[in-house]
């Protein structure tokens, strides 16, 4: 896999999950948040849509920039705290439903892609 392909696939995770939050925030709240923590107030939907907008923005930037090996490494390191978040808010404080754990699946996918992208970019930079 090329570094560019890995980068585009990382962007796709942000665009799909972020797009869901941006364009259907009530659906995300209904499906991804446990009933005890679910709130359908306007501000909650607005906040979820804002979160989605930021994810979509990052996804677009990942499509139009070119990442170096260092970019992939920093991205992979920056993902690590999100695994603690997923664990905490699914197992310790049950906010996320099993569907809400799509965030975890996205994080695992992006971490694997970041490692693959890092390897590919490192090889490409050595040839340049």
N, C-alpha and C. Protein backbone atom coordinates (compact mmCIF):
# COMPACT_ATOMS: atom_id res chain seq x y z
N UNK A 1 0.85 -1.18 0.00
CA UNK A 1 0.00 0.00 0.00
C UNK A 1 0.89 1.24 0.00
N UNK A 2 0.53 2.20 -0.81
CA UNK A 2 1.30 3.44 -0.87
C UNK A 2 0.92 4.34 0.31
N UNK A 3 1.81 5.25 0.63
CA UNK A 3 1.54 6.21 1.69
C UNK A 3 0.31 7.04 1.35
N UNK A 4 0.18 7.41 0.11
CA UNK A 4 -0.96 8.24 -0.33
C UNK A 4 -2.28 7.49 -0.14
N UNK A 5 -2.28 6.20 -0.47
CA UNK A 5 -3.49 5.39 -0.29
C UNK A 5 -3.85 5.30 1.18
N UNK A 6 -2.86 5.06 2.03
CA UNK A 6 -3.11 5.00 3.47
C UNK A 6 -3.70 6.32 3.96
N UNK A 7 -3.14 7.41 3.49
CA UNK A 7 -3.62 8.74 3.88
C UNK A 7 -5.06 8.95 3.43
N UNK A 8 -5.39 8.55 2.20
CA UNK A 8 -6.75 8.70 1.69
C UNK A 8 -7.74 7.83 2.48
N UNK A 9 -7.29 6.66 2.90
CA UNK A 9 -8.18 5.79 3.68
C UNK A 9 -8.40 6.35 5.08
N UNK A 10 -7.38 6.98 5.66
CA UNK A 10 -7.56 7.67 6.94
C UNK A 10 -8.58 8.80 6.76
N UNK A 11 -8.43 9.54 5.67
CA UNK A 11 -9.39 10.61 5.37
C UNK A 11 -10.80 10.06 5.26
N UNK A 12 -10.94 8.89 4.64
CA UNK A 12 -12.27 8.30 4.47
C UNK A 12 -12.93 8.01 5.81
N UNK A 13 -12.17 7.54 6.79
CA UNK A 13 -12.73 7.28 8.11
C UNK A 13 -13.29 8.57 8.70
N UNK A 14 -12.52 9.65 8.60
CA UNK A 14 -12.99 10.94 9.11
C UNK A 14 -14.20 11.44 8.34
N UNK A 15 -14.18 11.28 7.04
CA UNK A 15 -15.29 11.79 6.22
C UNK A 15 -16.58 11.00 6.46
N UNK A 16 -16.47 9.69 6.60
CA UNK A 16 -17.67 8.87 6.82
C UNK A 16 -18.24 9.09 8.22
N UNK A 17 -17.42 8.88 9.24
CA UNK A 17 -17.94 9.04 10.60
C UNK A 17 -18.24 10.50 10.94
N UNK A 18 -17.38 11.40 10.49
CA UNK A 18 -17.65 12.82 10.71
C UNK A 18 -18.88 13.29 9.95
N UNK A 19 -19.02 12.80 8.73
CA UNK A 19 -20.21 13.15 7.93
C UNK A 19 -21.49 12.69 8.59
N UNK A 20 -21.45 11.50 9.19
CA UNK A 20 -22.61 10.99 9.92
C UNK A 20 -22.96 11.95 11.06
N UNK A 21 -21.95 12.37 11.82
CA UNK A 21 -22.20 13.30 12.93
C UNK A 21 -22.70 14.65 12.44
N UNK A 22 -22.14 15.12 11.33
CA UNK A 22 -22.51 16.42 10.79
C UNK A 22 -23.92 16.44 10.23
N UNK A 23 -24.25 15.44 9.42
CA UNK A 23 -25.52 15.47 8.69
C UNK A 23 -26.67 14.74 9.38
N UNK A 24 -26.37 13.88 10.36
CA UNK A 24 -27.44 13.16 11.07
C UNK A 24 -27.10 13.06 12.56
N UNK A 25 -26.90 14.19 13.21
CA UNK A 25 -26.49 14.14 14.62
C UNK A 25 -27.50 13.43 15.52
N UNK A 26 -28.78 13.58 15.26
CA UNK A 26 -29.79 12.90 16.09
C UNK A 26 -29.66 11.39 15.96
N UNK A 27 -29.33 10.91 14.77
CA UNK A 27 -29.13 9.48 14.55
C UNK A 27 -27.93 8.97 15.34
N UNK A 28 -26.85 9.74 15.34
CA UNK A 28 -25.65 9.34 16.10
C UNK A 28 -26.00 9.26 17.58
N UNK A 29 -26.69 10.25 18.08
CA UNK A 29 -27.06 10.28 19.50
C UNK A 29 -27.95 9.08 19.83
N UNK A 30 -28.91 8.80 18.99
CA UNK A 30 -29.85 7.70 19.22
C UNK A 30 -29.17 6.34 19.18
N UNK A 31 -28.25 6.15 18.25
CA UNK A 31 -27.64 4.83 18.06
C UNK A 31 -26.34 4.62 18.83
N UNK A 32 -25.59 5.68 19.05
CA UNK A 32 -24.25 5.52 19.61
C UNK A 32 -24.13 5.83 21.10
N UNK A 33 -25.14 6.45 21.67
CA UNK A 33 -25.11 6.86 23.08
C UNK A 33 -26.13 6.04 23.86
N UNK A 34 -25.71 5.50 25.00
CA UNK A 34 -26.64 4.72 25.81
C UNK A 34 -27.77 5.59 26.32
N UNK A 35 -28.88 4.95 26.61
CA UNK A 35 -30.09 5.67 27.00
C UNK A 35 -29.88 6.55 28.24
N UNK A 36 -29.08 6.09 29.16
CA UNK A 36 -28.85 6.86 30.40
C UNK A 36 -28.18 8.20 30.13
N UNK A 37 -27.44 8.31 29.04
CA UNK A 37 -26.70 9.54 28.74
C UNK A 37 -27.25 10.27 27.51
N UNK A 38 -28.25 9.73 26.90
CA UNK A 38 -28.82 10.29 25.67
C UNK A 38 -29.61 11.55 25.98
N UNK A 39 -29.42 12.56 25.13
CA UNK A 39 -30.12 13.83 25.27
C UNK A 39 -30.43 14.32 23.86
N UNK A 40 -31.66 14.65 23.60
CA UNK A 40 -32.03 15.08 22.26
C UNK A 40 -32.23 16.59 22.16
N UNK A 41 -31.70 17.33 23.12
CA UNK A 41 -31.83 18.78 23.10
C UNK A 41 -31.09 19.37 21.89
N UNK A 42 -31.53 20.54 21.49
CA UNK A 42 -30.93 21.20 20.33
C UNK A 42 -29.42 21.37 20.49
N UNK A 43 -28.99 21.82 21.67
CA UNK A 43 -27.57 22.06 21.88
C UNK A 43 -26.75 20.76 21.76
N UNK A 44 -27.31 19.65 22.17
CA UNK A 44 -26.61 18.37 22.04
C UNK A 44 -26.45 18.01 20.57
N UNK A 45 -27.51 18.16 19.79
CA UNK A 45 -27.43 17.88 18.34
C UNK A 45 -26.46 18.86 17.67
N UNK A 46 -26.51 20.11 18.08
CA UNK A 46 -25.61 21.13 17.53
C UNK A 46 -24.15 20.77 17.82
N UNK A 47 -23.88 20.37 19.06
CA UNK A 47 -22.52 20.00 19.45
C UNK A 47 -22.04 18.79 18.66
N UNK A 48 -22.90 17.80 18.48
CA UNK A 48 -22.53 16.61 17.71
C UNK A 48 -22.23 17.01 16.26
N UNK A 49 -23.03 17.90 15.70
CA UNK A 49 -22.79 18.36 14.33
C UNK A 49 -21.48 19.14 14.23
N UNK A 50 -21.17 19.94 15.24
CA UNK A 50 -19.89 20.66 15.26
C UNK A 50 -18.72 19.69 15.31
N UNK A 51 -18.84 18.66 16.11
CA UNK A 51 -17.82 17.61 16.18
C UNK A 51 -17.64 16.98 14.80
N UNK A 52 -18.75 16.68 14.15
CA UNK A 52 -18.69 16.10 12.81
C UNK A 52 -18.06 17.04 11.80
N UNK A 53 -18.37 18.32 11.90
CA UNK A 53 -17.79 19.31 10.98
C UNK A 53 -16.28 19.36 11.11
N UNK A 54 -15.79 19.29 12.34
CA UNK A 54 -14.33 19.28 12.54
C UNK A 54 -13.70 18.02 11.97
N UNK A 55 -14.36 16.89 12.12
CA UNK A 55 -13.85 15.64 11.57
C UNK A 55 -13.84 15.69 10.04
N UNK A 56 -14.89 16.23 9.46
CA UNK A 56 -14.94 16.37 8.00
C UNK A 56 -13.85 17.32 7.52
N UNK A 57 -13.64 18.41 8.24
CA UNK A 57 -12.58 19.34 7.88
C UNK A 57 -11.22 18.64 7.88
N UNK A 58 -10.95 17.85 8.91
CA UNK A 58 -9.69 17.12 8.95
C UNK A 58 -9.61 16.12 7.81
N UNK A 59 -10.71 15.44 7.52
CA UNK A 59 -10.73 14.49 6.41
C UNK A 59 -10.41 15.16 5.09
N UNK A 60 -10.97 16.32 4.85
CA UNK A 60 -10.68 17.07 3.62
C UNK A 60 -9.20 17.46 3.59
N UNK A 61 -8.66 17.93 4.71
CA UNK A 61 -7.25 18.31 4.74
C UNK A 61 -6.36 17.10 4.49
N UNK A 62 -6.76 15.94 4.99
CA UNK A 62 -5.98 14.72 4.75
C UNK A 62 -6.01 14.34 3.27
N UNK A 63 -7.03 14.76 2.57
CA UNK A 63 -7.10 14.48 1.13
C UNK A 63 -6.22 15.40 0.29
N UNK A 64 -6.03 16.62 0.76
CA UNK A 64 -5.36 17.62 -0.09
C UNK A 64 -3.92 17.93 0.31
N UNK A 65 -3.44 17.30 1.37
CA UNK A 65 -2.05 17.50 1.77
C UNK A 65 -1.27 16.22 1.48
N UNK A 66 0.04 16.29 1.59
CA UNK A 66 0.88 15.11 1.40
C UNK A 66 1.64 14.86 2.70
N UNK A 67 1.37 13.72 3.32
CA UNK A 67 1.98 13.41 4.60
C UNK A 67 3.36 12.78 4.40
N UNK A 68 4.27 13.15 5.29
CA UNK A 68 5.59 12.54 5.34
C UNK A 68 5.54 11.37 6.33
N UNK A 69 6.65 10.66 6.45
CA UNK A 69 6.73 9.59 7.44
C UNK A 69 6.50 10.16 8.84
N UNK A 70 7.05 11.34 9.10
CA UNK A 70 6.86 11.98 10.41
C UNK A 70 5.39 12.31 10.65
N UNK A 71 4.67 12.72 9.61
CA UNK A 71 3.24 13.03 9.75
C UNK A 71 2.47 11.80 10.19
N UNK A 72 2.75 10.67 9.56
CA UNK A 72 2.07 9.42 9.94
C UNK A 72 2.42 9.03 11.37
N UNK A 73 3.68 9.18 11.76
CA UNK A 73 4.11 8.82 13.10
C UNK A 73 3.43 9.69 14.16
N UNK A 74 3.39 10.99 13.91
CA UNK A 74 2.73 11.90 14.85
C UNK A 74 1.24 11.60 14.93
N UNK A 75 0.61 11.34 13.81
CA UNK A 75 -0.81 11.00 13.79
C UNK A 75 -1.06 9.73 14.60
N UNK A 76 -0.23 8.70 14.41
CA UNK A 76 -0.38 7.45 15.15
C UNK A 76 -0.25 7.70 16.65
N UNK A 77 0.74 8.47 17.04
CA UNK A 77 0.92 8.77 18.46
C UNK A 77 -0.26 9.57 19.02
N UNK A 78 -0.77 10.50 18.23
CA UNK A 78 -1.90 11.32 18.67
C UNK A 78 -3.18 10.50 18.82
N UNK A 79 -3.27 9.38 18.13
CA UNK A 79 -4.46 8.51 18.24
C UNK A 79 -4.51 7.75 19.56
N UNK A 80 -3.38 7.50 20.17
CA UNK A 80 -3.33 6.61 21.33
C UNK A 80 -4.25 7.01 22.48
N UNK A 81 -4.36 8.29 22.86
CA UNK A 81 -5.29 8.63 23.95
C UNK A 81 -6.75 8.32 23.63
N UNK A 82 -7.09 8.25 22.36
CA UNK A 82 -8.47 7.95 21.99
C UNK A 82 -8.86 6.52 22.36
N UNK A 83 -7.88 5.63 22.45
CA UNK A 83 -8.18 4.26 22.88
C UNK A 83 -8.57 4.25 24.35
N UNK A 84 -7.92 5.07 25.16
CA UNK A 84 -8.31 5.20 26.57
C UNK A 84 -9.71 5.78 26.67
N UNK A 85 -10.01 6.78 25.84
CA UNK A 85 -11.35 7.37 25.79
C UNK A 85 -12.38 6.29 25.48
N UNK A 86 -12.14 5.50 24.43
CA UNK A 86 -13.09 4.46 24.03
C UNK A 86 -13.30 3.45 25.16
N UNK A 87 -12.21 3.03 25.79
CA UNK A 87 -12.32 2.07 26.90
C UNK A 87 -13.13 2.68 28.04
N UNK A 88 -12.74 3.88 28.45
CA UNK A 88 -13.38 4.50 29.60
C UNK A 88 -14.88 4.70 29.38
N UNK A 89 -15.25 5.23 28.22
CA UNK A 89 -16.65 5.58 28.00
C UNK A 89 -17.48 4.44 27.41
N UNK A 90 -16.90 3.26 27.35
CA UNK A 90 -17.72 2.09 27.01
C UNK A 90 -17.78 1.12 28.19
N UNK A 91 -16.64 0.92 28.87
CA UNK A 91 -16.60 -0.08 29.94
C UNK A 91 -16.71 0.51 31.34
N UNK A 92 -16.11 1.64 31.60
CA UNK A 92 -16.13 2.21 32.95
C UNK A 92 -17.35 3.11 33.16
N UNK A 93 -17.59 4.01 32.25
CA UNK A 93 -18.77 4.88 32.28
C UNK A 93 -19.50 4.60 30.97
N UNK A 94 -20.52 3.77 31.01
CA UNK A 94 -21.11 3.27 29.76
C UNK A 94 -21.92 4.30 28.97
N UNK A 95 -21.19 5.20 28.33
CA UNK A 95 -21.82 6.22 27.49
C UNK A 95 -22.00 5.69 26.07
N UNK A 96 -20.99 5.00 25.55
CA UNK A 96 -21.03 4.53 24.17
C UNK A 96 -21.66 3.14 24.07
N UNK A 97 -22.59 3.01 23.15
CA UNK A 97 -23.18 1.70 22.86
C UNK A 97 -22.20 0.91 22.00
N UNK A 98 -22.59 -0.30 21.65
CA UNK A 98 -21.73 -1.08 20.75
C UNK A 98 -21.62 -0.38 19.40
N UNK A 99 -22.64 0.29 18.96
CA UNK A 99 -22.56 1.07 17.71
C UNK A 99 -21.65 2.28 17.93
N UNK A 100 -21.69 2.86 19.11
CA UNK A 100 -20.80 3.96 19.43
C UNK A 100 -19.34 3.55 19.39
N UNK A 101 -19.10 2.25 19.54
CA UNK A 101 -17.73 1.76 19.47
C UNK A 101 -17.22 1.68 18.03
N UNK A 102 -18.03 2.13 17.08
CA UNK A 102 -17.51 2.34 15.72
C UNK A 102 -16.34 3.32 15.77
N UNK A 103 -16.36 4.19 16.76
CA UNK A 103 -15.24 5.11 16.95
C UNK A 103 -13.96 4.32 17.22
N UNK A 104 -14.06 3.28 18.06
CA UNK A 104 -12.92 2.42 18.34
C UNK A 104 -12.46 1.71 17.06
N UNK A 105 -13.40 1.18 16.31
CA UNK A 105 -13.06 0.50 15.05
C UNK A 105 -12.35 1.47 14.11
N UNK A 106 -12.86 2.70 14.02
CA UNK A 106 -12.21 3.71 13.20
C UNK A 106 -10.80 4.02 13.68
N UNK A 107 -10.62 4.08 15.01
CA UNK A 107 -9.30 4.36 15.56
C UNK A 107 -8.31 3.23 15.28
N UNK A 108 -8.76 1.99 15.42
CA UNK A 108 -7.90 0.84 15.12
C UNK A 108 -7.52 0.86 13.64
N UNK A 109 -8.50 1.11 12.79
CA UNK A 109 -8.26 1.17 11.34
C UNK A 109 -7.25 2.26 11.02
N UNK A 110 -7.45 3.44 11.59
CA UNK A 110 -6.54 4.54 11.30
C UNK A 110 -5.14 4.30 11.86
N UNK A 111 -5.05 3.65 13.02
CA UNK A 111 -3.73 3.35 13.57
C UNK A 111 -2.98 2.38 12.64
N UNK A 112 -3.67 1.35 12.19
CA UNK A 112 -3.04 0.40 11.26
C UNK A 112 -2.63 1.10 9.97
N UNK A 113 -3.50 1.96 9.45
CA UNK A 113 -3.17 2.70 8.22
C UNK A 113 -2.01 3.67 8.45
N UNK A 114 -1.94 4.26 9.63
CA UNK A 114 -0.84 5.17 9.93
C UNK A 114 0.49 4.42 9.96
N UNK A 115 0.49 3.22 10.51
CA UNK A 115 1.72 2.41 10.51
C UNK A 115 2.10 2.03 9.08
N UNK A 116 1.11 1.59 8.30
CA UNK A 116 1.39 1.24 6.90
C UNK A 116 1.86 2.46 6.11
N UNK A 117 1.22 3.60 6.33
CA UNK A 117 1.62 4.83 5.66
C UNK A 117 3.00 5.27 6.06
N UNK A 118 3.33 5.14 7.33
CA UNK A 118 4.65 5.50 7.83
C UNK A 118 5.72 4.64 7.15
N UNK A 119 5.46 3.34 7.09
CA UNK A 119 6.43 2.44 6.44
C UNK A 119 6.62 2.81 4.97
N UNK A 120 5.50 3.03 4.28
CA UNK A 120 5.58 3.37 2.85
C UNK A 120 6.25 4.72 2.64
N UNK A 121 5.91 5.70 3.45
CA UNK A 121 6.50 7.04 3.31
C UNK A 121 7.98 7.00 3.64
N UNK A 122 8.37 6.23 4.63
CA UNK A 122 9.77 6.10 4.99
C UNK A 122 10.57 5.52 3.82
N UNK A 123 9.99 4.52 3.18
CA UNK A 123 10.65 3.94 2.02
C UNK A 123 10.74 4.90 0.86
N UNK A 124 9.67 5.67 0.65
CA UNK A 124 9.65 6.66 -0.42
C UNK A 124 10.62 7.79 -0.18
N UNK A 125 10.77 8.21 1.08
CA UNK A 125 11.69 9.30 1.40
C UNK A 125 13.13 8.84 1.26
N UNK A 126 13.37 7.55 1.51
CA UNK A 126 14.75 7.04 1.36
C UNK A 126 15.16 7.02 -0.10
N UNK A 127 14.20 6.80 -1.00
CA UNK A 127 14.49 6.77 -2.44
C UNK A 127 14.63 8.17 -3.02
N UNK A 128 14.02 9.15 -2.39
CA UNK A 128 14.03 10.52 -2.95
C UNK A 128 15.34 11.24 -2.74
